[in-house]
C-alpha atoms as a PDB file:
ATOM      1  CA  UNK A   1       7.819 -13.796 -18.402  1.00  0.00           C
ATOM      2  CA  UNK A   2       4.538 -15.647 -19.000  1.00  0.00           C
ATOM      3  CA  UNK A   3       3.852 -18.738 -16.875  1.00  0.00           C
ATOM      4  CA  UNK A   4       3.792 -22.118 -18.631  1.00  0.00           C
ATOM      5  CA  UNK A   5       0.438 -22.707 -20.278  1.00  0.00           C
ATOM      6  CA  UNK A   6      -1.075 -26.111 -19.455  1.00  0.00           C
ATOM      7  CA  UNK A   7      -4.600 -27.496 -19.161  1.00  0.00           C
ATOM      8  CA  UNK A   8      -4.218 -27.496 -15.363  1.00  0.00           C
ATOM      9  CA  UNK A   9      -3.050 -23.863 -15.282  1.00  0.00           C
ATOM     10  CA  UNK A  10      -5.975 -22.798 -17.497  1.00  0.00           C
ATOM     11  CA  UNK A  11      -8.432 -24.653 -15.251  1.00  0.00           C
ATOM     12  CA  UNK A  12      -6.989 -23.055 -12.104  1.00  0.00           C
ATOM     13  CA  UNK A  13      -7.103 -19.660 -13.784  1.00  0.00           C
ATOM     14  CA  UNK A  14     -10.739 -20.246 -14.751  1.00  0.00           C
ATOM     15  CA  UNK A  15     -11.620 -21.042 -11.123  1.00  0.00           C
ATOM     16  CA  UNK A  16      -9.774 -17.888 -10.059  1.00  0.00           C
ATOM     17  CA  UNK A  17     -11.723 -15.850 -12.646  1.00  0.00           C
ATOM     18  CA  UNK A  18     -15.049 -17.271 -11.425  1.00  0.00           C
ATOM     19  CA  UNK A  19     -14.200 -16.387  -7.808  1.00  0.00           C
ATOM     20  CA  UNK A  20     -13.170 -12.863  -8.794  1.00  0.00           C
ATOM     21  CA  UNK A  21     -16.369 -12.307 -10.786  1.00  0.00           C
ATOM     22  CA  UNK A  22     -18.683 -13.941  -8.236  1.00  0.00           C
ATOM     23  CA  UNK A  23     -20.039 -10.568  -7.019  1.00  0.00           C
ATOM     24  CA  UNK A  24     -21.064  -9.779 -10.612  1.00  0.00           C
ATOM     25  CA  UNK A  25     -22.492 -13.256 -11.177  1.00  0.00           C
ATOM     26  CA  UNK A  26     -24.632 -13.323  -8.034  1.00  0.00           C
ATOM     27  CA  UNK A  27     -26.168  -9.830  -7.986  1.00  0.00           C
ATOM     28  CA  UNK A  28     -28.849 -10.833 -10.476  1.00  0.00           C
ATOM     29  CA  UNK A  29     -29.568 -13.943  -8.390  1.00  0.00           C
ATOM     30  CA  UNK A  30     -30.148 -11.952  -5.193  1.00  0.00           C
ATOM     31  CA  UNK A  31     -32.247  -9.212  -6.855  1.00  0.00           C
ATOM     32  CA  UNK A  32     -35.469 -11.227  -7.443  1.00  0.00           C
ATOM     33  CA  UNK A  33     -35.526 -12.384  -3.801  1.00  0.00           C
ATOM     34  CA  UNK A  34     -35.257  -8.794  -2.587  1.00  0.00           C
ATOM     35  CA  UNK A  35     -37.233  -7.086  -5.356  1.00  0.00           C
ATOM     36  CA  UNK A  36     -40.697  -5.613  -5.508  1.00  0.00           C
ATOM     37  CA  UNK A  37     -41.920  -2.120  -4.825  1.00  0.00           C
ATOM     38  CA  UNK A  38     -41.109   0.962  -6.855  1.00  0.00           C
ATOM     39  CA  UNK A  39     -39.846   0.317 -10.400  1.00  0.00           C
ATOM     40  CA  UNK A  40     -36.552   1.966 -11.345  1.00  0.00           C
ATOM     41  CA  UNK A  41     -38.267   3.689 -14.300  1.00  0.00           C
ATOM     42  CA  UNK A  42     -41.012   4.906 -11.892  1.00  0.00           C
ATOM     43  CA  UNK A  43     -43.645   3.508 -14.255  1.00  0.00           C
ATOM     44  CA  UNK A  44     -42.693   5.962 -17.008  1.00  0.00           C
ATOM     45  CA  UNK A  45     -43.253   5.018 -20.630  1.00  0.00           C
ATOM     46  CA  UNK A  46     -41.991   6.168 -24.003  1.00  0.00           C
ATOM     47  CA  UNK A  47     -44.320   8.242 -26.221  1.00  0.00           C
ATOM     48  CA  UNK A  48     -45.405   4.997 -27.952  1.00  0.00           C
ATOM     49  CA  UNK A  49     -46.513   3.540 -24.615  1.00  0.00           C
ATOM     50  CA  UNK A  50     -43.647   1.070 -24.132  1.00  0.00           C
ATOM     51  CA  UNK A  51     -42.016   1.134 -20.695  1.00  0.00           C
ATOM     52  CA  UNK A  52     -38.357   2.103 -20.333  1.00  0.00           C
ATOM     53  CA  UNK A  53     -37.556  -0.878 -18.102  1.00  0.00           C
ATOM     54  CA  UNK A  54     -40.751  -2.400 -16.767  1.00  0.00           C
ATOM     55  CA  UNK A  55     -41.994  -3.553 -13.367  1.00  0.00           C
ATOM     56  CA  UNK A  56     -39.335  -6.271 -13.100  1.00  0.00           C
ATOM     57  CA  UNK A  57     -36.564  -3.765 -12.347  1.00  0.00           C
ATOM     58  CA  UNK A  58     -37.184  -2.244  -8.921  1.00  0.00           C
ATOM     59  CA  UNK A  59     -35.147  -0.035  -6.623  1.00  0.00           C
ATOM     60  CA  UNK A  60     -35.399  -2.594  -3.857  1.00  0.00           C
ATOM     61  CA  UNK A  61     -34.078  -5.362  -6.121  1.00  0.00           C
ATOM     62  CA  UNK A  62     -31.314  -3.148  -7.500  1.00  0.00           C
ATOM     63  CA  UNK A  63     -30.072  -1.910  -4.125  1.00  0.00           C
ATOM     64  CA  UNK A  64     -30.611  -5.207  -2.312  1.00  0.00           C
ATOM     65  CA  UNK A  65     -29.069  -7.328  -5.076  1.00  0.00           C
ATOM     66  CA  UNK A  66     -26.040  -5.040  -5.361  1.00  0.00           C
ATOM     67  CA  UNK A  67     -25.549  -4.930  -1.580  1.00  0.00           C
ATOM     68  CA  UNK A  68     -25.843  -8.713  -1.083  1.00  0.00           C
ATOM     69  CA  UNK A  69     -23.495  -9.525  -3.974  1.00  0.00           C
ATOM     70  CA  UNK A  70     -20.974  -6.955  -2.728  1.00  0.00           C
ATOM     71  CA  UNK A  71     -21.232  -8.402   0.785  1.00  0.00           C
ATOM     72  CA  UNK A  72     -20.599 -11.883  -0.610  1.00  0.00           C
ATOM     73  CA  UNK A  73     -17.452 -10.637  -2.365  1.00  0.00           C
ATOM     74  CA  UNK A  74     -16.221  -8.908   0.779  1.00  0.00           C
ATOM     75  CA  UNK A  75     -16.849 -12.029   2.863  1.00  0.00           C
ATOM     76  CA  UNK A  76     -14.791 -14.010   0.333  1.00  0.00           C
ATOM     77  CA  UNK A  77     -12.038 -11.413   0.615  1.00  0.00           C
ATOM     78  CA  UNK A  78     -12.053 -11.651   4.428  1.00  0.00           C
ATOM     79  CA  UNK A  79     -12.254 -15.476   4.389  1.00  0.00           C
ATOM     80  CA  UNK A  80      -9.203 -15.664   2.103  1.00  0.00           C
ATOM     81  CA  UNK A  81      -7.347 -13.272   4.404  1.00  0.00           C
ATOM     82  CA  UNK A  82      -8.228 -15.178   7.597  1.00  0.00           C
ATOM     83  CA  UNK A  83      -7.356 -18.542   6.026  1.00  0.00           C
ATOM     84  CA  UNK A  84      -3.955 -17.241   4.964  1.00  0.00           C
ATOM     85  CA  UNK A  85      -4.717 -17.903   1.284  1.00  0.00           C
ATOM     86  CA  UNK A  86      -4.449 -14.261   0.249  1.00  0.00           C
ATOM     87  CA  UNK A  87      -3.638 -11.206   2.344  1.00  0.00           C
ATOM     88  CA  UNK A  88      -6.207  -8.403   2.150  1.00  0.00           C
ATOM     89  CA  UNK A  89      -3.507  -6.143   0.637  1.00  0.00           C
ATOM     90  CA  UNK A  90      -2.654  -8.624  -2.131  1.00  0.00           C
ATOM     91  CA  UNK A  91      -6.111 -10.060  -2.750  1.00  0.00           C
ATOM     92  CA  UNK A  92      -7.547 -11.329  -6.005  1.00  0.00           C
ATOM     93  CA  UNK A  93      -9.283  -7.951  -6.246  1.00  0.00           C
ATOM     94  CA  UNK A  94      -6.148  -5.898  -5.657  1.00  0.00           C
ATOM     95  CA  UNK A  95      -5.020  -3.999  -2.593  1.00  0.00           C
ATOM     96  CA  UNK A  96      -7.056  -2.568   0.285  1.00  0.00           C
ATOM     97  CA  UNK A  97      -9.180  -0.369   0.270  1.00  0.00           C
ATOM     98  CA  UNK A  98      -9.581  -0.308  -3.527  1.00  0.00           C
ATOM     99  CA  UNK A  99     -10.512  -3.998  -3.526  1.00  0.00           C
ATOM    100  CA  UNK A 100     -13.644  -3.211  -1.459  1.00  0.00           C
ATOM    101  CA  UNK A 101     -14.648  -0.498  -3.938  1.00  0.00           C
ATOM    102  CA  UNK A 102     -13.951  -2.788  -6.889  1.00  0.00           C
ATOM    103  CA  UNK A 103     -16.132  -5.579  -5.461  1.00  0.00           C
ATOM    104  CA  UNK A 104     -18.999  -3.110  -4.896  1.00  0.00           C
ATOM    105  CA  UNK A 105     -18.555  -1.725  -8.430  1.00  0.00           C
ATOM    106  CA  UNK A 106     -18.703  -5.220  -9.932  1.00  0.00           C
ATOM    107  CA  UNK A 107     -21.920  -6.055  -8.079  1.00  0.00           C
ATOM    108  CA  UNK A 108     -23.579  -2.741  -8.973  1.00  0.00           C
ATOM    109  CA  UNK A 109     -22.320  -2.778 -12.559  1.00  0.00           C
ATOM    110  CA  UNK A 110     -23.797  -6.222 -13.032  1.00  0.00           C
ATOM    111  CA  UNK A 111     -27.321  -4.977 -12.273  1.00  0.00           C
ATOM    112  CA  UNK A 112     -26.784  -1.782 -14.277  1.00  0.00           C
ATOM    113  CA  UNK A 113     -25.856  -4.028 -17.214  1.00  0.00           C
ATOM    114  CA  UNK A 114     -29.020  -6.038 -16.611  1.00  0.00           C
ATOM    115  CA  UNK A 115     -31.071  -2.819 -16.703  1.00  0.00           C
ATOM    116  CA  UNK A 116     -29.330  -1.684 -19.901  1.00  0.00           C
ATOM    117  CA  UNK A 117     -30.274  -5.042 -21.392  1.00  0.00           C
ATOM    118  CA  UNK A 118     -33.905  -4.504 -20.345  1.00  0.00           C
ATOM    119  CA  UNK A 119     -33.854  -0.967 -21.759  1.00  0.00           C
ATOM    120  CA  UNK A 120     -32.605  -2.296 -25.125  1.00  0.00           C
ATOM    121  CA  UNK A 121     -35.182  -5.087 -25.133  1.00  0.00           C
ATOM    122  CA  UNK A 122     -38.039  -2.634 -24.444  1.00  0.00           C
ATOM    123  CA  UNK A 123     -36.650  -0.242 -27.098  1.00  0.00           C
ATOM    124  CA  UNK A 124     -36.689  -2.947 -29.790  1.00  0.00           C
ATOM    125  CA  UNK A 125     -40.169  -4.037 -28.799  1.00  0.00           C
ATOM    126  CA  UNK A 126     -39.390  -7.224 -26.874  1.00  0.00           C
ATOM    127  CA  UNK A 127     -42.043  -7.768 -24.197  1.00  0.00           C
ATOM    128  CA  UNK A 128     -41.067  -8.443 -20.593  1.00  0.00           C
ATOM    129  CA  UNK A 129     -40.045 -12.067 -20.216  1.00  0.00           C
ATOM    130  CA  UNK A 130     -39.383 -12.638 -23.921  1.00  0.00           C
ATOM    131  CA  UNK A 131     -36.207 -14.610 -24.578  1.00  0.00           C
ATOM    132  CA  UNK A 132     -33.485 -12.464 -26.159  1.00  0.00           C
ATOM    133  CA  UNK A 133     -30.276 -14.294 -27.030  1.00  0.00           C
ATOM    134  CA  UNK A 134     -27.017 -12.766 -25.650  1.00  0.00           C
ATOM    135  CA  UNK A 135     -28.783  -9.949 -23.803  1.00  0.00           C
ATOM    136  CA  UNK A 136     -30.358 -12.469 -21.423  1.00  0.00           C
ATOM    137  CA  UNK A 137     -27.068 -14.205 -20.677  1.00  0.00           C
ATOM    138  CA  UNK A 138     -24.307 -11.583 -20.841  1.00  0.00           C
ATOM    139  CA  UNK A 139     -25.781  -8.154 -20.161  1.00  0.00           C
ATOM    140  CA  UNK A 140     -24.557  -8.353 -16.561  1.00  0.00           C
ATOM    141  CA  UNK A 141     -21.018  -9.234 -17.725  1.00  0.00           C
ATOM    142  CA  UNK A 142     -20.923  -6.149 -19.959  1.00  0.00           C
ATOM    143  CA  UNK A 143     -22.218  -3.963 -17.125  1.00  0.00           C
ATOM    144  CA  UNK A 144     -19.599  -5.271 -14.699  1.00  0.00           C
ATOM    145  CA  UNK A 145     -16.897  -4.795 -17.362  1.00  0.00           C
ATOM    146  CA  UNK A 146     -17.890  -1.144 -17.819  1.00  0.00           C
ATOM    147  CA  UNK A 147     -17.772  -0.539 -14.075  1.00  0.00           C
ATOM    148  CA  UNK A 148     -14.269  -2.004 -13.658  1.00  0.00           C
ATOM    149  CA  UNK A 149     -12.730   0.035 -16.501  1.00  0.00           C
ATOM    150  CA  UNK A 150     -11.498   2.738 -14.076  1.00  0.00           C
ATOM    151  CA  UNK A 151      -9.476   0.063 -12.229  1.00  0.00           C
ATOM    152  CA  UNK A 152      -6.807  -0.251 -14.914  1.00  0.00           C
ATOM    153  CA  UNK A 153      -4.185  -1.799 -14.767  1.00  0.00           C
ATOM    154  CA  UNK A 154      -5.809  -4.294 -12.328  1.00  0.00           C
ATOM    155  CA  UNK A 155      -8.278  -5.656 -14.881  1.00  0.00           C
ATOM    156  CA  UNK A 156      -5.598  -5.915 -17.590  1.00  0.00           C
ATOM    157  CA  UNK A 157      -3.244  -7.924 -15.353  1.00  0.00           C
ATOM    158  CA  UNK A 158      -6.129 -10.032 -14.035  1.00  0.00           C
ATOM    159  CA  UNK A 159      -8.063 -10.817 -17.206  1.00  0.00           C
ATOM    160  CA  UNK A 160      -5.811 -10.154 -20.209  1.00  0.00           C
ATOM    161  CA  UNK A 161      -2.062 -10.441 -19.538  1.00  0.00           C
ATOM    162  CA  UNK A 162      -0.157 -13.753 -19.314  1.00  0.00           C
ATOM    163  CA  UNK A 163      -2.829 -15.811 -21.096  1.00  0.00           C
ATOM    164  CA  UNK A 164      -5.538 -14.827 -18.586  1.00  0.00           C
ATOM    165  CA  UNK A 165      -7.732 -13.899 -21.568  1.00  0.00           C
ATOM    166  CA  UNK A 166      -8.108 -17.642 -22.325  1.00  0.00           C
ATOM    167  CA  UNK A 167      -9.758 -18.182 -18.941  1.00  0.00           C
ATOM    168  CA  UNK A 168     -11.894 -15.080 -19.490  1.00  0.00           C
ATOM    169  CA  UNK A 169     -13.225 -16.497 -22.766  1.00  0.00           C
ATOM    170  CA  UNK A 170     -13.898 -19.838 -21.044  1.00  0.00           C
ATOM    171  CA  UNK A 171     -15.616 -17.919 -18.243  1.00  0.00           C
ATOM    172  CA  UNK A 172     -18.063 -16.422 -20.757  1.00  0.00           C
ATOM    173  CA  UNK A 173     -19.018 -19.958 -21.812  1.00  0.00           C
ATOM    174  CA  UNK A 174     -19.381 -21.046 -18.170  1.00  0.00           C
ATOM    175  CA  UNK A 175     -21.354 -17.867 -17.393  1.00  0.00           C
ATOM    176  CA  UNK A 176     -23.774 -18.611 -20.220  1.00  0.00           C
ATOM    177  CA  UNK A 177     -24.597 -22.080 -18.906  1.00  0.00           C
ATOM    178  CA  UNK A 178     -24.594 -20.935 -15.264  1.00  0.00           C
ATOM    179  CA  UNK A 179     -27.141 -18.266 -16.183  1.00  0.00           C
ATOM    180  CA  UNK A 180     -29.361 -20.838 -17.911  1.00  0.00           C
ATOM    181  CA  UNK A 181     -29.212 -23.223 -14.922  1.00  0.00           C
ATOM    182  CA  UNK A 182     -29.756 -20.445 -12.340  1.00  0.00           C
ATOM    183  CA  UNK A 183     -32.787 -19.131 -14.216  1.00  0.00           C
ATOM    184  CA  UNK A 184     -34.328 -22.575 -14.502  1.00  0.00           C
ATOM    185  CA  UNK A 185     -33.884 -23.093 -10.747  1.00  0.00           C
ATOM    186  CA  UNK A 186     -35.414 -19.657 -10.111  1.00  0.00           C
ATOM    187  CA  UNK A 187     -38.372 -20.588 -12.300  1.00  0.00           C
ATOM    188  CA  UNK A 188     -38.866 -23.940 -10.545  1.00  0.00           C
ATOM    189  CA  UNK A 189     -38.889 -22.365  -7.076  1.00  0.00           C
ATOM    190  CA  UNK A 190     -41.233 -19.590  -8.198  1.00  0.00           C
ATOM    191  CA  UNK A 191     -38.869 -16.587  -8.014  1.00  0.00           C
ATOM    192  CA  UNK A 192     -38.772 -16.060 -11.790  1.00  0.00           C
ATOM    193  CA  UNK A 193     -41.730 -16.009 -14.144  1.00  0.00           C
ATOM    194  CA  UNK A 194     -39.750 -17.376 -17.089  1.00  0.00           C
ATOM    195  CA  UNK A 195     -37.136 -20.151 -17.199  1.00  0.00           C
ATOM    196  CA  UNK A 196     -34.579 -17.962 -19.049  1.00  0.00           C
END
């Protein structure tokens, strides 16, 4: 039976959704701090001269961003366990040890989604740094979603069943604005070259 749907329950569910998806949300924040070095596309270009990804997507940023975001998720998991809020075997990310794998998949999928977004932008002729609506804000969400597909029925129970989809839709709105704010902060402190 579905729980009673109230404004308070939706708000609590939204907070829960944000916590669950924090590893996906933060990977792209860590990557610029840890980036540099060899590009993921190894400098290769299409026959028309356009790069596949560009110099902004590096192995160091990809691995470092994924690892730091996954570590953040695992620290949250452990903190919830130690505080008695959620046992590690009944965590927000499911049961142990699959929850550890799921957190790592979300973090990695987020940056894979970001690279897919860059690949699409280069393919349609958008230069590096050019603003591209939707791809700039939600490519990481789509990447994380692809990487959690094997974890059915966890994702269905967590994000779809019992009105959880309402919080997921609200999360997409929150994620959009969080992305805008995070990028502006990154631009102001000199980590990002563009404020979007």
